[in-house]
C-alpha atoms as a PDB file:
ATOM      1  CA  UNK A   1      18.758 -14.079  11.573  1.00  0.00           C
ATOM      2  CA  UNK A   2      15.742 -11.924  12.473  1.00  0.00           C
ATOM      3  CA  UNK A   3      17.398 -10.824  15.728  1.00  0.00           C
ATOM      4  CA  UNK A   4      20.550  -9.786  13.897  1.00  0.00           C
ATOM      5  CA  UNK A   5      18.663  -7.868  11.238  1.00  0.00           C
ATOM      6  CA  UNK A   6      16.487  -6.141  13.813  1.00  0.00           C
ATOM      7  CA  UNK A   7      19.658  -5.023  15.609  1.00  0.00           C
ATOM      8  CA  UNK A   8      21.055  -3.763  12.300  1.00  0.00           C
ATOM      9  CA  UNK A   9      17.786  -1.927  11.575  1.00  0.00           C
ATOM     10  CA  UNK A  10      17.841  -0.266  14.971  1.00  0.00           C
ATOM     11  CA  UNK A  11      21.464   0.759  14.480  1.00  0.00           C
ATOM     12  CA  UNK A  12      20.792   2.228  11.043  1.00  0.00           C
ATOM     13  CA  UNK A  13      17.782   4.225  12.206  1.00  0.00           C
ATOM     14  CA  UNK A  14      19.710   5.382  15.266  1.00  0.00           C
ATOM     15  CA  UNK A  15      22.419   6.832  13.023  1.00  0.00           C
ATOM     16  CA  UNK A  16      19.812   9.029  11.334  1.00  0.00           C
ATOM     17  CA  UNK A  17      19.144  10.787  14.663  1.00  0.00           C
ATOM     18  CA  UNK A  18      15.729  11.922  13.420  1.00  0.00           C
ATOM     19  CA  UNK A  19      13.410  10.715  10.680  1.00  0.00           C
ATOM     20  CA  UNK A  20      10.181  11.443   8.859  1.00  0.00           C
ATOM     21  CA  UNK A  21       8.537   8.149   7.891  1.00  0.00           C
ATOM     22  CA  UNK A  22       6.401   7.783   4.771  1.00  0.00           C
ATOM     23  CA  UNK A  23       3.762   5.797   6.608  1.00  0.00           C
ATOM     24  CA  UNK A  24       0.990   3.992   4.720  1.00  0.00           C
ATOM     25  CA  UNK A  25      -0.143   1.789   7.585  1.00  0.00           C
ATOM     26  CA  UNK A  26       1.037  -1.371   5.808  1.00  0.00           C
ATOM     27  CA  UNK A  27       3.150  -3.746   7.868  1.00  0.00           C
ATOM     28  CA  UNK A  28       6.422  -2.611   6.232  1.00  0.00           C
ATOM     29  CA  UNK A  29       6.115   1.072   7.079  1.00  0.00           C
ATOM     30  CA  UNK A  30       4.519   0.145  10.411  1.00  0.00           C
ATOM     31  CA  UNK A  31       7.612  -1.842  11.378  1.00  0.00           C
ATOM     32  CA  UNK A  32       9.845   1.075  10.378  1.00  0.00           C
ATOM     33  CA  UNK A  33       7.646   3.442  12.404  1.00  0.00           C
ATOM     34  CA  UNK A  34       7.737   1.131  15.417  1.00  0.00           C
ATOM     35  CA  UNK A  35      11.521   0.808  15.418  1.00  0.00           C
ATOM     36  CA  UNK A  36      11.978   4.527  14.729  1.00  0.00           C
ATOM     37  CA  UNK A  37       9.679   5.370  17.636  1.00  0.00           C
ATOM     38  CA  UNK A  38      11.577   2.990  19.936  1.00  0.00           C
ATOM     39  CA  UNK A  39      14.998   4.295  18.903  1.00  0.00           C
ATOM     40  CA  UNK A  40      14.368   7.974  18.202  1.00  0.00           C
ATOM     41  CA  UNK A  41      11.395   8.740  20.429  1.00  0.00           C
ATOM     42  CA  UNK A  42       9.832  12.100  19.623  1.00  0.00           C
ATOM     43  CA  UNK A  43      12.463  12.669  16.920  1.00  0.00           C
ATOM     44  CA  UNK A  44      10.459  10.313  14.674  1.00  0.00           C
ATOM     45  CA  UNK A  45       7.212  11.304  12.966  1.00  0.00           C
ATOM     46  CA  UNK A  46       4.984   9.175  10.728  1.00  0.00           C
ATOM     47  CA  UNK A  47       3.218  10.942   7.870  1.00  0.00           C
ATOM     48  CA  UNK A  48       0.341   9.432   5.909  1.00  0.00           C
ATOM     49  CA  UNK A  49      -0.698  10.765   2.515  1.00  0.00           C
ATOM     50  CA  UNK A  50      -4.450  11.092   2.059  1.00  0.00           C
ATOM     51  CA  UNK A  51      -5.895  11.061  -1.457  1.00  0.00           C
ATOM     52  CA  UNK A  52      -8.786   9.409  -3.332  1.00  0.00           C
ATOM     53  CA  UNK A  53      -6.562   6.397  -4.073  1.00  0.00           C
ATOM     54  CA  UNK A  54      -6.236   5.573  -0.358  1.00  0.00           C
ATOM     55  CA  UNK A  55      -8.750   3.023   0.884  1.00  0.00           C
ATOM     56  CA  UNK A  56     -10.623   4.856   3.688  1.00  0.00           C
ATOM     57  CA  UNK A  57     -10.449   1.887   6.052  1.00  0.00           C
ATOM     58  CA  UNK A  58      -6.672   1.818   5.602  1.00  0.00           C
ATOM     59  CA  UNK A  59      -6.433   5.399   6.846  1.00  0.00           C
ATOM     60  CA  UNK A  60      -8.294   4.415   9.998  1.00  0.00           C
ATOM     61  CA  UNK A  61      -5.958   1.417  10.424  1.00  0.00           C
ATOM     62  CA  UNK A  62      -2.953   3.723  10.091  1.00  0.00           C
ATOM     63  CA  UNK A  63      -4.313   6.010  12.809  1.00  0.00           C
ATOM     64  CA  UNK A  64      -5.007   3.126  15.182  1.00  0.00           C
ATOM     65  CA  UNK A  65      -1.605   1.535  14.627  1.00  0.00           C
ATOM     66  CA  UNK A  66       0.306   4.808  15.029  1.00  0.00           C
ATOM     67  CA  UNK A  67      -1.528   5.500  18.287  1.00  0.00           C
ATOM     68  CA  UNK A  68      -0.712   2.013  19.575  1.00  0.00           C
ATOM     69  CA  UNK A  69       2.947   2.430  18.677  1.00  0.00           C
ATOM     70  CA  UNK A  70       2.993   5.850  20.285  1.00  0.00           C
ATOM     71  CA  UNK A  71       4.532   7.686  17.368  1.00  0.00           C
ATOM     72  CA  UNK A  72       3.523  11.181  16.313  1.00  0.00           C
ATOM     73  CA  UNK A  73       1.244  10.836  13.308  1.00  0.00           C
ATOM     74  CA  UNK A  74       0.511  13.547  10.765  1.00  0.00           C
ATOM     75  CA  UNK A  75      -1.658  13.597   7.635  1.00  0.00           C
ATOM     76  CA  UNK A  76      -1.021  15.411   4.368  1.00  0.00           C
ATOM     77  CA  UNK A  77      -3.075  15.633   1.199  1.00  0.00           C
ATOM     78  CA  UNK A  78      -1.591  14.602  -2.116  1.00  0.00           C
ATOM     79  CA  UNK A  79      -3.047  15.402  -5.514  1.00  0.00           C
ATOM     80  CA  UNK A  80      -1.559  12.849  -7.883  1.00  0.00           C
ATOM     81  CA  UNK A  81      -4.930  12.413  -9.612  1.00  0.00           C
ATOM     82  CA  UNK A  82      -4.617  15.973 -10.949  1.00  0.00           C
ATOM     83  CA  UNK A  83      -1.494  14.962 -12.875  1.00  0.00           C
ATOM     84  CA  UNK A  84      -2.382  13.592 -16.355  1.00  0.00           C
ATOM     85  CA  UNK A  85       0.791  11.504 -16.234  1.00  0.00           C
ATOM     86  CA  UNK A  86      -0.811   9.633 -13.346  1.00  0.00           C
ATOM     87  CA  UNK A  87      -4.506   9.758 -14.270  1.00  0.00           C
ATOM     88  CA  UNK A  88      -3.962   8.261 -17.729  1.00  0.00           C
ATOM     89  CA  UNK A  89      -2.582   5.205 -15.904  1.00  0.00           C
ATOM     90  CA  UNK A  90       0.645   4.416 -17.777  1.00  0.00           C
ATOM     91  CA  UNK A  91       2.781   1.456 -16.720  1.00  0.00           C
ATOM     92  CA  UNK A  92       4.968   3.825 -14.679  1.00  0.00           C
ATOM     93  CA  UNK A  93       1.971   5.397 -12.906  1.00  0.00           C
ATOM     94  CA  UNK A  94       3.525   4.774  -9.489  1.00  0.00           C
ATOM     95  CA  UNK A  95       6.500   6.940 -10.416  1.00  0.00           C
ATOM     96  CA  UNK A  96       4.265  10.003 -10.593  1.00  0.00           C
ATOM     97  CA  UNK A  97       2.421   9.050  -7.407  1.00  0.00           C
ATOM     98  CA  UNK A  98       5.635   8.719  -5.406  1.00  0.00           C
ATOM     99  CA  UNK A  99       7.026  11.881  -6.995  1.00  0.00           C
ATOM    100  CA  UNK A 100       4.015  13.804  -5.674  1.00  0.00           C
ATOM    101  CA  UNK A 101       4.282  12.132  -2.274  1.00  0.00           C
ATOM    102  CA  UNK A 102       7.977  12.688  -1.722  1.00  0.00           C
ATOM    103  CA  UNK A 103       7.959  16.236  -3.051  1.00  0.00           C
ATOM    104  CA  UNK A 104       5.329  16.971  -0.397  1.00  0.00           C
ATOM    105  CA  UNK A 105       7.262  15.095   2.285  1.00  0.00           C
ATOM    106  CA  UNK A 106      10.491  16.857   1.372  1.00  0.00           C
ATOM    107  CA  UNK A 107       8.788  20.199   1.883  1.00  0.00           C
ATOM    108  CA  UNK A 108       7.590  19.083   5.320  1.00  0.00           C
ATOM    109  CA  UNK A 109      11.004  17.721   6.252  1.00  0.00           C
ATOM    110  CA  UNK A 110      12.630  21.033   5.395  1.00  0.00           C
ATOM    111  CA  UNK A 111       9.963  22.959   7.282  1.00  0.00           C
ATOM    112  CA  UNK A 112      10.381  20.791  10.392  1.00  0.00           C
ATOM    113  CA  UNK A 113      14.167  20.533  10.168  1.00  0.00           C
ATOM    114  CA  UNK A 114      14.335  16.810   9.408  1.00  0.00           C
ATOM    115  CA  UNK A 115      17.325  15.634   7.411  1.00  0.00           C
ATOM    116  CA  UNK A 116      15.959  12.209   6.494  1.00  0.00           C
ATOM    117  CA  UNK A 117      12.825  10.754   4.940  1.00  0.00           C
ATOM    118  CA  UNK A 118      12.500   6.982   5.155  1.00  0.00           C
ATOM    119  CA  UNK A 119      10.003   4.548   3.672  1.00  0.00           C
ATOM    120  CA  UNK A 120       8.921   0.922   4.079  1.00  0.00           C
ATOM    121  CA  UNK A 121      10.474  -0.545   0.930  1.00  0.00           C
ATOM    122  CA  UNK A 122      11.829  -4.011   1.756  1.00  0.00           C
ATOM    123  CA  UNK A 123      14.477  -6.142   0.049  1.00  0.00           C
ATOM    124  CA  UNK A 124      11.910  -8.129  -1.965  1.00  0.00           C
ATOM    125  CA  UNK A 125      10.416  -4.938  -3.391  1.00  0.00           C
ATOM    126  CA  UNK A 126      13.692  -4.259  -5.178  1.00  0.00           C
ATOM    127  CA  UNK A 127      13.139  -7.416  -7.244  1.00  0.00           C
ATOM    128  CA  UNK A 128       9.651  -6.410  -8.399  1.00  0.00           C
ATOM    129  CA  UNK A 129       8.501  -3.804 -10.897  1.00  0.00           C
ATOM    130  CA  UNK A 130       8.243  -0.748  -8.652  1.00  0.00           C
ATOM    131  CA  UNK A 131       8.736   2.525 -10.595  1.00  0.00           C
ATOM    132  CA  UNK A 132       7.857   4.435  -7.441  1.00  0.00           C
ATOM    133  CA  UNK A 133      11.148   3.324  -5.896  1.00  0.00           C
ATOM    134  CA  UNK A 134      13.042   5.301  -8.539  1.00  0.00           C
ATOM    135  CA  UNK A 135      11.068   8.441  -7.698  1.00  0.00           C
ATOM    136  CA  UNK A 136      11.911   8.021  -4.013  1.00  0.00           C
ATOM    137  CA  UNK A 137      15.606   7.438  -4.669  1.00  0.00           C
ATOM    138  CA  UNK A 138      15.799  10.521  -6.902  1.00  0.00           C
ATOM    139  CA  UNK A 139      14.603  12.520  -3.899  1.00  0.00           C
ATOM    140  CA  UNK A 140      17.074  11.024  -1.453  1.00  0.00           C
ATOM    141  CA  UNK A 141      14.613   8.833   0.450  1.00  0.00           C
ATOM    142  CA  UNK A 142      16.174   6.081   2.572  1.00  0.00           C
ATOM    143  CA  UNK A 143      14.775   2.539   2.734  1.00  0.00           C
ATOM    144  CA  UNK A 144      16.067   1.029   6.001  1.00  0.00           C
ATOM    145  CA  UNK A 145      14.459  -2.393   5.499  1.00  0.00           C
ATOM    146  CA  UNK A 146      15.996  -2.817   2.063  1.00  0.00           C
ATOM    147  CA  UNK A 147      19.357  -1.414   3.178  1.00  0.00           C
ATOM    148  CA  UNK A 148      19.551  -4.009   5.944  1.00  0.00           C
ATOM    149  CA  UNK A 149      18.357  -6.763   3.586  1.00  0.00           C
ATOM    150  CA  UNK A 150      15.055  -7.516   5.343  1.00  0.00           C
ATOM    151  CA  UNK A 151      12.624  -9.476   3.157  1.00  0.00           C
ATOM    152  CA  UNK A 152       8.826  -9.374   3.346  1.00  0.00           C
ATOM    153  CA  UNK A 153       8.778 -12.655   5.286  1.00  0.00           C
ATOM    154  CA  UNK A 154      11.346 -11.274   7.719  1.00  0.00           C
ATOM    155  CA  UNK A 155       9.295  -8.090   8.132  1.00  0.00           C
ATOM    156  CA  UNK A 156       6.398 -10.212   9.340  1.00  0.00           C
ATOM    157  CA  UNK A 157       8.618 -12.360  11.575  1.00  0.00           C
ATOM    158  CA  UNK A 158      10.223  -9.321  13.208  1.00  0.00           C
ATOM    159  CA  UNK A 159       6.879  -7.552  13.595  1.00  0.00           C
ATOM    160  CA  UNK A 160       5.456 -10.645  15.278  1.00  0.00           C
ATOM    161  CA  UNK A 161       8.444 -10.873  17.619  1.00  0.00           C
ATOM    162  CA  UNK A 162       7.867  -7.234  18.616  1.00  0.00           C
ATOM    163  CA  UNK A 163       4.260  -8.006  19.485  1.00  0.00           C
ATOM    164  CA  UNK A 164       2.690  -6.017  16.660  1.00  0.00           C
ATOM    165  CA  UNK A 165      -0.812  -7.496  16.234  1.00  0.00           C
ATOM    166  CA  UNK A 166      -0.821  -6.525  12.549  1.00  0.00           C
ATOM    167  CA  UNK A 167       2.223  -8.668  11.679  1.00  0.00           C
ATOM    168  CA  UNK A 168       0.217 -10.770   9.212  1.00  0.00           C
ATOM    169  CA  UNK A 169      -1.859  -7.926   7.771  1.00  0.00           C
ATOM    170  CA  UNK A 170      -2.584  -8.476   4.051  1.00  0.00           C
ATOM    171  CA  UNK A 171      -0.891  -6.119   1.633  1.00  0.00           C
ATOM    172  CA  UNK A 172      -3.210  -3.307   0.585  1.00  0.00           C
ATOM    173  CA  UNK A 173      -1.839  -1.297  -2.352  1.00  0.00           C
ATOM    174  CA  UNK A 174      -3.591   1.876  -3.427  1.00  0.00           C
ATOM    175  CA  UNK A 175      -6.932   1.677  -5.208  1.00  0.00           C
ATOM    176  CA  UNK A 176      -5.364   2.756  -8.501  1.00  0.00           C
ATOM    177  CA  UNK A 177      -3.763  -0.672  -8.693  1.00  0.00           C
ATOM    178  CA  UNK A 178      -7.235  -2.117  -9.392  1.00  0.00           C
ATOM    179  CA  UNK A 179      -7.213  -0.769 -12.955  1.00  0.00           C
ATOM    180  CA  UNK A 180      -5.354  -2.261 -15.940  1.00  0.00           C
ATOM    181  CA  UNK A 181      -2.652   0.004 -17.315  1.00  0.00           C
ATOM    182  CA  UNK A 182      -4.034   2.343 -19.929  1.00  0.00           C
ATOM    183  CA  UNK A 183      -7.503   2.651 -18.410  1.00  0.00           C
ATOM    184  CA  UNK A 184      -7.932   6.222 -17.218  1.00  0.00           C
ATOM    185  CA  UNK A 185      -8.405   6.673 -13.469  1.00  0.00           C
ATOM    186  CA  UNK A 186     -11.017   9.074 -12.136  1.00  0.00           C
ATOM    187  CA  UNK A 187     -12.318   9.985  -8.707  1.00  0.00           C
ATOM    188  CA  UNK A 188     -15.618   8.275  -9.479  1.00  0.00           C
ATOM    189  CA  UNK A 189     -13.923   5.040 -10.522  1.00  0.00           C
ATOM    190  CA  UNK A 190     -11.759   4.984  -7.402  1.00  0.00           C
ATOM    191  CA  UNK A 191     -14.790   5.497  -5.188  1.00  0.00           C
ATOM    192  CA  UNK A 192     -16.702   2.770  -7.023  1.00  0.00           C
ATOM    193  CA  UNK A 193     -13.931   0.226  -6.564  1.00  0.00           C
ATOM    194  CA  UNK A 194     -13.423   1.284  -2.953  1.00  0.00           C
ATOM    195  CA  UNK A 195     -17.092   0.803  -2.064  1.00  0.00           C
ATOM    196  CA  UNK A 196     -17.229  -2.553  -3.853  1.00  0.00           C
ATOM    197  CA  UNK A 197     -14.155  -3.881  -2.094  1.00  0.00           C
ATOM    198  CA  UNK A 198     -15.312  -2.601   1.273  1.00  0.00           C
ATOM    199  CA  UNK A 199     -18.566  -4.525   0.760  1.00  0.00           C
ATOM    200  CA  UNK A 200     -16.598  -7.754   0.330  1.00  0.00           C
ATOM    201  CA  UNK A 201     -14.417  -7.025   3.349  1.00  0.00           C
ATOM    202  CA  UNK A 202     -17.523  -6.478   5.448  1.00  0.00           C
ATOM    203  CA  UNK A 203     -18.699  -9.927   4.393  1.00  0.00           C
ATOM    204  CA  UNK A 204     -15.454 -11.395   5.728  1.00  0.00           C
ATOM    205  CA  UNK A 205     -13.653 -11.919   2.407  1.00  0.00           C
ATOM    206  CA  UNK A 206     -10.085 -10.829   2.940  1.00  0.00           C
ATOM    207  CA  UNK A 207      -7.712 -10.742   1.198  1.00  0.00           C
ATOM    208  CA  UNK A 208      -9.751  -9.733  -1.808  1.00  0.00           C
ATOM    209  CA  UNK A 209      -9.563  -7.403  -4.782  1.00  0.00           C
ATOM    210  CA  UNK A 210     -12.135  -5.852  -7.062  1.00  0.00           C
ATOM    211  CA  UNK A 211     -10.425  -5.246 -10.389  1.00  0.00           C
ATOM    212  CA  UNK A 212     -12.130  -2.718 -12.645  1.00  0.00           C
ATOM    213  CA  UNK A 213     -12.187  -3.341 -16.386  1.00  0.00           C
ATOM    214  CA  UNK A 214     -14.369  -0.621 -17.846  1.00  0.00           C
ATOM    215  CA  UNK A 215     -17.849  -1.372 -16.537  1.00  0.00           C
ATOM    216  CA  UNK A 216     -16.922  -4.892 -15.433  1.00  0.00           C
ATOM    217  CA  UNK A 217     -15.969  -5.743 -11.847  1.00  0.00           C
ATOM    218  CA  UNK A 218     -13.675  -8.762 -11.537  1.00  0.00           C
ATOM    219  CA  UNK A 219     -13.635 -10.178  -8.004  1.00  0.00           C
ATOM    220  CA  UNK A 220     -10.514 -11.927  -6.746  1.00  0.00           C
ATOM    221  CA  UNK A 221     -10.470 -14.010  -3.571  1.00  0.00           C
ATOM    222  CA  UNK A 222      -8.092 -16.880  -2.674  1.00  0.00           C
ATOM    223  CA  UNK A 223      -8.818 -19.757  -5.055  1.00  0.00           C
ATOM    224  CA  UNK A 224      -9.384 -22.244  -2.228  1.00  0.00           C
ATOM    225  CA  UNK A 225     -12.216 -20.044  -0.933  1.00  0.00           C
ATOM    226  CA  UNK A 226     -14.122 -19.838  -4.218  1.00  0.00           C
ATOM    227  CA  UNK A 227     -16.521 -22.771  -3.528  1.00  0.00           C
ATOM    228  CA  UNK A 228     -17.306 -21.325  -0.097  1.00  0.00           C
ATOM    229  CA  UNK A 229     -17.807 -17.871  -1.621  1.00  0.00           C
ATOM    230  CA  UNK A 230     -20.295 -19.182  -4.175  1.00  0.00           C
ATOM    231  CA  UNK A 231     -22.309 -21.147  -1.622  1.00  0.00           C
ATOM    232  CA  UNK A 232     -22.307 -18.606   1.210  1.00  0.00           C
ATOM    233  CA  UNK A 233     -22.662 -15.326  -0.656  1.00  0.00           C
ATOM    234  CA  UNK A 234     -26.010 -13.874  -1.611  1.00  0.00           C
ATOM    235  CA  UNK A 235     -24.933 -13.457  -5.223  1.00  0.00           C
ATOM    236  CA  UNK A 236     -28.087 -11.654  -6.298  1.00  0.00           C
ATOM    237  CA  UNK A 237     -27.642  -9.093  -3.527  1.00  0.00           C
ATOM    238  CA  UNK A 238     -23.948  -8.676  -4.346  1.00  0.00           C
ATOM    239  CA  UNK A 239     -24.624  -8.139  -8.053  1.00  0.00           C
ATOM    240  CA  UNK A 240     -27.395  -5.665  -7.280  1.00  0.00           C
ATOM    241  CA  UNK A 241     -25.089  -3.663  -5.002  1.00  0.00           C
ATOM    242  CA  UNK A 242     -22.220  -3.613  -7.501  1.00  0.00           C
ATOM    243  CA  UNK A 243     -24.596  -2.532 -10.256  1.00  0.00           C
ATOM    244  CA  UNK A 244     -25.902   0.247  -8.006  1.00  0.00           C
ATOM    245  CA  UNK A 245     -22.313   1.511  -7.885  1.00  0.00           C
ATOM    246  CA  UNK A 246     -22.204   1.706 -11.683  1.00  0.00           C
ATOM    247  CA  UNK A 247     -20.805  -1.648 -12.746  1.00  0.00           C
ATOM    248  CA  UNK A 248     -22.687  -3.397 -15.551  1.00  0.00           C
ATOM    249  CA  UNK A 249     -21.133  -6.841 -15.158  1.00  0.00           C
ATOM    250  CA  UNK A 250     -19.831  -8.649 -12.068  1.00  0.00           C
ATOM    251  CA  UNK A 251     -17.470 -11.604 -12.496  1.00  0.00           C
ATOM    252  CA  UNK A 252     -15.452 -13.940 -10.280  1.00  0.00           C
ATOM    253  CA  UNK A 253     -11.859 -14.661 -11.322  1.00  0.00           C
ATOM    254  CA  UNK A 254     -11.371 -18.439 -11.206  1.00  0.00           C
ATOM    255  CA  UNK A 255      -7.587 -18.059 -10.958  1.00  0.00           C
ATOM    256  CA  UNK A 256      -8.131 -16.500  -7.551  1.00  0.00           C
ATOM    257  CA  UNK A 257      -6.469 -13.683  -5.651  1.00  0.00           C
ATOM    258  CA  UNK A 258      -3.076 -12.615  -6.991  1.00  0.00           C
ATOM    259  CA  UNK A 259      -1.462  -9.547  -5.478  1.00  0.00           C
ATOM    260  CA  UNK A 260      -0.063  -7.329  -8.231  1.00  0.00           C
ATOM    261  CA  UNK A 261      -1.352  -9.583 -10.998  1.00  0.00           C
ATOM    262  CA  UNK A 262      -1.959  -6.662 -13.372  1.00  0.00           C
ATOM    263  CA  UNK A 263       1.822  -6.335 -13.632  1.00  0.00           C
ATOM    264  CA  UNK A 264       1.676  -9.574 -15.603  1.00  0.00           C
ATOM    265  CA  UNK A 265       1.095  -7.603 -18.793  1.00  0.00           C
ATOM    266  CA  UNK A 266       4.470  -5.930 -18.273  1.00  0.00           C
ATOM    267  CA  UNK A 267       6.264  -9.232 -17.751  1.00  0.00           C
ATOM    268  CA  UNK A 268       4.545 -10.676 -20.808  1.00  0.00           C
ATOM    269  CA  UNK A 269       5.729  -7.748 -22.883  1.00  0.00           C
ATOM    270  CA  UNK A 270       9.295  -8.264 -21.739  1.00  0.00           C
ATOM    271  CA  UNK A 271       9.152 -11.950 -22.621  1.00  0.00           C
ATOM    272  CA  UNK A 272       8.138 -11.314 -26.235  1.00  0.00           C
END
């Protein structure tokens, strides 16, 4: 099945003749960039948006991966944080983020003479709450993985078969996803969460999240690793560092790591 879908993905991208890829450095957009580079050569360009909501280490990963793939890689700045519709953190926050991104990418595509912008949305993403997808579709963005019907699991399988060493890379959504809807997002808060999460990554805890609830940091790591975390971590040092960043309280979520778990409030509202 993976071989057939990879062939279909290559065929679809080949029909585009040239493409600008919205490239975050995650495994989905990395697979699209890899196939586009293989099929289109120098007629494919990967563009990464740089803003305060991008984890700095993820930008470095994107650079390394693009260089390894051999695709042209460009950076642009986005300013979604300046939009109150984004900064106030409504449930459709991602719509305004992707609107900013794809408006910027559309301008580049027109300047460079590219007819198509593509992203890394996969078939599973269409089943989740992803308001950013609507913003992309409104701007004519193509999603080759979703169009071919490639799921997240299949993305990883295909990436592994192509020899991409990042095939099992944990998902790393933007730092704004660390805040519950309705809590205003600021540059300072993004930096605080970013530093806190980087500290945990440096200690070897990945995947992990640091959720910000006002002045409280809520740490998420896989539930099975919680006993090890408690016994191996210098908790006093960790708390001191987090408090130096501006957090008052530091907690450990006993339910463990759950990607996208803050969307649960939306699902709960729909179930009422």
